[in-house]
Amino acid sequence: ERIPPRTPNMNAYIESFHSILERDLFSRREFMTFEEAFIALDQYMDFYNYRRMHGSLKHMAPMKFSLWVKMLEDTSKFHKSM
């Protein structure tokens, strides 16, 4: 589903991510080539998903939070089957 142009309030999560990306990466560095920017973005995405703590995710990185939620779901299914 496409979001209409000039309606950032319809996609707050991605707008927030773009703001974080601008603040943490693009405003701190100047890239000479597309490849340099691509590599830096790839490294930042690894940091963002695996190491950056997110307050809204109980101060866990997204991948750790995802595993934690899955573990809770599996535990809940186990207890319900007892």
Protein backbone atom coordinates (compact mmCIF):
# COMPACT_ATOMS: atom_id res chain seq x y z
CA GLU A 1 0.00 0.00 0.00
CA ARG A 2 1.40 3.36 -0.98
CA ILE A 3 1.22 6.40 1.25
CA PRO A 4 0.17 9.66 -0.40
CA PRO A 5 2.94 12.23 -0.93
CA ARG A 6 3.49 14.85 1.77
CA THR A 7 1.65 12.88 4.49
CA PRO A 8 4.38 11.96 7.01
CA ASN A 9 1.80 11.54 9.77
CA MET A 10 0.50 8.45 7.95
CA ASN A 11 3.81 6.64 8.43
CA ALA A 12 5.21 7.81 11.75
CA TYR A 13 7.49 4.81 12.30
CA ILE A 14 9.46 5.22 9.08
CA GLU A 15 9.58 8.99 9.52
CA SER A 16 11.04 8.46 12.99
CA PHE A 17 13.60 6.02 11.59
CA HIS A 18 14.60 8.51 8.88
CA SER A 19 15.10 11.16 11.56
CA ILE A 20 17.32 8.81 13.59
CA LEU A 21 19.29 7.85 10.48
CA GLU A 22 19.84 11.50 9.58
CA ARG A 23 20.91 12.37 13.14
CA ASP A 24 23.15 9.35 13.78
CA LEU A 25 24.75 8.87 10.37
CA PHE A 26 24.19 11.36 7.58
CA SER A 27 24.63 14.57 9.57
CA ARG A 28 27.91 13.30 11.05
CA ARG A 29 29.66 12.19 7.86
CA GLU A 30 30.31 13.38 4.37
CA PHE A 31 30.47 10.71 1.70
CA MET A 32 32.57 11.05 -1.41
CA THR A 33 30.99 8.15 -3.33
CA PHE A 34 27.74 6.23 -3.42
CA GLU A 35 29.67 3.08 -2.47
CA GLU A 36 31.07 4.76 0.64
CA ALA A 37 27.58 5.85 1.69
CA PHE A 38 26.18 2.39 0.96
CA ILE A 39 28.83 0.68 3.12
CA ALA A 40 28.27 3.14 5.97
CA LEU A 41 24.50 2.62 5.76
CA ASP A 42 24.93 -1.16 5.74
CA GLN A 43 27.11 -0.97 8.85
CA TYR A 44 24.64 1.37 10.54
CA MET A 45 21.75 -1.00 9.81
CA ASP A 46 23.70 -3.80 11.48
CA PHE A 47 24.29 -1.56 14.50
CA TYR A 48 20.65 -0.40 14.55
CA ASN A 49 19.18 -3.90 14.42
CA TYR A 50 21.68 -5.87 16.52
CA ARG A 51 23.31 -3.50 19.01
CA ARG A 52 21.40 -0.20 19.40
CA MET A 53 19.18 -0.22 22.46
CA HIS A 54 15.60 0.93 21.82
CA GLY A 55 13.62 2.39 24.71
CA SER A 56 10.33 1.20 23.25
CA LEU A 57 11.69 -2.37 23.12
CA LYS A 58 12.50 -2.70 26.82
CA HIS A 59 15.99 -1.30 26.12
CA MET A 60 16.87 -4.22 23.85
CA ALA A 61 18.14 -4.23 20.29
CA PRO A 62 15.40 -5.20 17.81
CA MET A 63 16.80 -8.66 17.07
CA LYS A 64 17.19 -9.46 20.77
CA PHE A 65 13.66 -8.19 21.43
CA SER A 66 12.31 -10.32 18.59
CA LEU A 67 13.95 -13.44 20.05
CA TRP A 68 12.63 -12.54 23.51
CA VAL A 69 9.05 -12.19 22.21
CA LYS A 70 9.35 -15.49 20.35
CA MET A 71 10.60 -17.19 23.51
CA LEU A 72 7.63 -15.78 25.46
CA GLU A 73 5.23 -17.01 22.78
CA ASP A 74 6.81 -20.47 22.80
CA THR A 75 6.69 -20.57 26.61
CA SER A 76 3.05 -19.48 26.59
CA LYS A 77 2.14 -22.19 24.06
CA PHE A 78 3.95 -24.76 26.20
CA HIS A 79 2.07 -23.72 29.35
CA LYS A 80 -1.27 -23.72 27.53
CA SER A 81 -0.67 -27.30 26.36
CA MET A 82 -0.08 -28.56 29.90
